[in-house]
Every structure is written in C-alpha cells, then in structure tokens.
Amino acid sequence: MAAVPPGIRMLVSFDRDQWYRALTFILTFLLYTSFHLSRKPISIVKSELHKNCSSVSEIATLASSSSSSSQLPPQSLHTDMDCSWKPFDKRNYRQLLGAMDYSFLCAYAVGMYLSGIIGERLPIRLYLTVGMLSSGLFTCLFGLGYVYNIHNMGFYVFVQVANGLVQTTGWPSVVTCISNWFGKGRRGLIMGLWNSHTSVGNILGSLIAGYFVSSNWGLSFIVPGIIIAVMGVVCFFFLIEHPNDLKSMNAQTTSPGKRVPTKSWNGVNGHTEVYHQYKDNQTQSYDTELLLPSDSVCVPAQTVVVVKRESEPSAISFMGALRIPGVIEFSLCLLFAKLVSYTFLFWLPLYITKTAHLDAKKAGDLSTLFDVGGIVGGILAGVISDKLGKRATTCAVMLLLAAPTLYGFSMISEFGMGPTIGMLLVCGGLVNGPYSLITTAVSADLGTHKSLKGNARALSTVTAIIDGTGSVGAALGPLLAGLLSAGGWDQVFYMLMTADFLALLLLLRLVTKELTSTKSRPISAVELKEH
C-alpha cells in the first residue's frame, strides 16, 4: 500500500473548527481588501484629472504663433491641447481635489460612529453584504462620470459622500467577526498578518487604477466597483459570524425526521405522564431485543427541566464604551496616526508625480512600496506587542521613530530613485505599524476588556469609536495637505511630523502605566487556548 502524501496528512490533521477558522480569516481578509481596493483609485486618478500642462501650453503658444502666419483657426488647436478634466483644470485644483477627499472621509468619520452601534443590533453578514453592494454601486458611479462626460463638481462630491457612508459598514463588521473566531492568544501576530489586507488592497487598487488611468480613467473606478460588489455576494453566501452559529446549525440538522411517537396516560396525583412508544415495525438487532421486546411496549420518558438562563446582555451604549479604560487615549492617538497614513494614501502618487516628474502609472506603481512597508510594519508591531505584552509602548516607539523618518523622506526623495525606494519602505512600516496595531489588536483587546464582565456585544461599538475618531484625522490630513501643498511640499511634511508627535504624547500615560505595571507581560500559554 502506497504511503499517504504528506500534504494530505497535513490537511486531515486539522479539525473542522480549524478549517472554519481558516475560512473566516481568508474570507474577511479578502472582503476588506476589496474595500481598500475601491478607495485607492482616486489618488491615482488625481494626476490625470489635472495634468502638468505647462509644457503643453508652451507648445500651444508656439503653434498658435505659427498658425497665425499660416492663418489656421486657433480655436481647434486650443481644443486639442486642453489636457485637464474640468472642473479640475483651474488654478485651485488642489483645493478641489482635497475637497473630494474631505467629502469621502468626513462622511466616513461621521458614519463610523453610527455604524458600530447599528452593527451590534443587526446580522453582520447581511449588514456587510448591503454595504459592499452599495459601495460597488457608488464607486462605479464615479467612473461613469468619465463615460458620460460629467463635469459637475457637485456630482463627484455627492458620490464621495455616499460612498464614505456605506463603506463604514466594513471595518466594525470584519473586526467583530475575526475577533469572534480568534481569542487573545497571539492576537497581535494574527491581527498583524490579517490587517495586511489594508496594504494589499491599496497595492491592488493602485495597479488596477494605474493600468487604465492614462487611457480611460473611468475604468479605474468601474473595475474596483465591480470587484467589491462581487465580494459582497461572496460574503452573503459564505461568511460565518460566530462559531456558535455552526453549533445551532448542527443542532437543527441532527436527525430532523426521526421523532419517537409518544402516548400519555393519567398518572399519579392526576399528573399526565408521557411515554415513548416503540413498535415492532422493523428488524431489531440482538442488543436491542435484550432491552426492548418485540411486542409493543411503552417506556416512561425522563422528565426534562429546562432552566432559562439569564437574559443575554444588551449591546453597550456609546458612553459605556467610552468609559472602558484606554478607549479615549487610543482613539485620539489614532486620529493623528491615521491623519499621517491617509495623507500618504491620497497624496503620495501626486507628490511623486510632481517631485520625480513621473507619469501617473509609474507614480502609482512606485507608491505601492509604501504599502509594502506597511505590511511588514503591521506584522512587526503585532509580534513585538505580543512578546512584550505592551501595546501602547510598541506604538509609542514606532511613532517616535516615524517623525524624523518623514523628514528624511522629504529630503532624500530629491536624490534619485534608489534612496526614495528605501525611504518609502521604512516610512510605510513606521507609519502604518501603530495604525495597524491600534485598529486591530488594541480594538479587540478593549472590546473584550475585563470591565465588560463578559459582555461580548461591545466589540463592534468600541471598534467603531476608535476607527471613527481616527477617520476624523483621516479627513483632516488630505484636506490640510491640499491647502498646505500650495505653499510647498515642505509644509505638508512639517504637518505630518507634528501629527506624529501629538499621537505620541497622547499615549504617554498608558506607556507609563505599562512600564510601571507588573501585570504587563507576554501572552501566557493559558491565553493561547482561549477562543
């Protein structure tokens, strides 16, 4: 007999719960990857909405002077040389592009506070499915602006606001789902690996949008919109919210048609006694015959007392979530950390285009290195915080290193492609590391804090509060970048460094508490067994 292949032996070594846990990990990873994939195109398309037309205008001037001698109509020449997409062809294009970012992110920040509260009270699978289908619709609508030649600023702002609102369904839902399946053991490592979906989505979004941006920027939105809508359908059919859902499913499917007939007679003291009746309607085995004779017999049924347990704890209120120790500090810290991260997300391709003089596609491809560094930074932050048992201290050290690195990036990016690539990777790791840790492992820790006394219905609300507060910074960052970049990119980097230092200051109390507490320790072996 041939030996069983080692791969098959490995597959059969996993039990059913481990397979379902792996399915949930992969599925939620792909679901939120599609969310970020659909957000990224706007940063790639910016350089196409407003091109650097200075060289074109010089050619137009020379051509118009020569056309005057040859008596060609200058009107047609101007139409051919018009290179920007109205209304972003004006001098205030940076403010208009910043307003679009602000519209999306402001709606996202406001909607996030409501999303967590709503998500605690609705089925996660249905809530997430509706959000993804709606997000796909509005993402495609933005791209249809190119198809139908729409130049109304109000249309693009409306689409951004609507998309920002429906995208708030994603984060609280997937964090709650993944936390239901994975306990506190190695949560930093697991969440760090899982949270790389943010960077993977940004990378895929950049590559997809960059592929179409020069020829048809409408497809840069339509294709990601279709992808997130398709993933919404996948979510509806396959997402399992909680391990207990499988237990209830198994209970419902266990022998549904094999009910034993019963009879009742008046028993002692007038009580009705119930008997199971067995009849000789099929061949019995020898063992069965020893217990039950072939004749019809009535066996008294056992009395079962059903004790109703205490009512399920209600969903936590907004103020109740704020009173959990650490929620306010980490929320405000994330405000400034996410300000930095989202400024890079929305403005890095344009910055590379202007400083390195690259086209939109090459700038978009190069900007993905920031997200590659973010993947490594998020995983390192999770591993280190698991090892030390100090989440706040890990974030503080990375924030302390990030500020001078940002200044170095603004200086080194002028010295060629090699140094720029290196600094993009380092900046990505240090900027996205704390952001990743706070939005995943820290949010899950606080959502299952001991002060909640086992109430598991707080996780979505806590996650929404932390990420919603961070989204306020995400809205302010790109807006401030649009305003400050008019006076030079150096001012933008000074703003980013200031935000990093403020994020660090907000964690000092928690860092001091961790360093002086004897309870801060690595995750124990007992915690590894928790689910």
Foldseek 3Di string as FASTA:
>chain_A
DDDDDPVVVVVVVDDPLVVLLVVLLVLLLLLVLLVLLLVQLLLLLLCQQEPPLPVLVVVLVVVVVVCVVVVDDSVVVVVVSPRHQPPCHDPLNLLLSLLLLLLQLVLLLVLLLVLLVVCLVDPLLVLSLVLLLQLLVLLLQLLCCQVVVPRDSVSSSVSSNSNSNSSSSRQLSSLQQSPQSAFLALQLQSLLLSLLSNLSSNLNLLQLQLVCSVPRNSSSRNVSSVVSNVSSVVSNVRHDRHPVVVVVVCVCPDCVPDDFDKDWDQDPPRDIWIWGKDAQPDDDDPVVCVVPPNHIDTHTDDDDDDDDDDDADDADDLVRLVPQPPLVLLLLLLQLLLLLVLLLSNHQLVVCCVQVVDDSSVSSNLSSLLSVLLSVLSNVLSVVCQQFLANLVSLLVLLVVLLVLLVVLVVCVNVDDVSNSVSSSSNSNSSNNNNSSCLHSVLSCSCCDVVVVRNNSHSSSSSSSSVSSNSNSSSVNSSVCSVCCVVPCVVSSVSSSVSSVVSSVSSPVSNVCLVPDPPRHRDDPVSNPDD
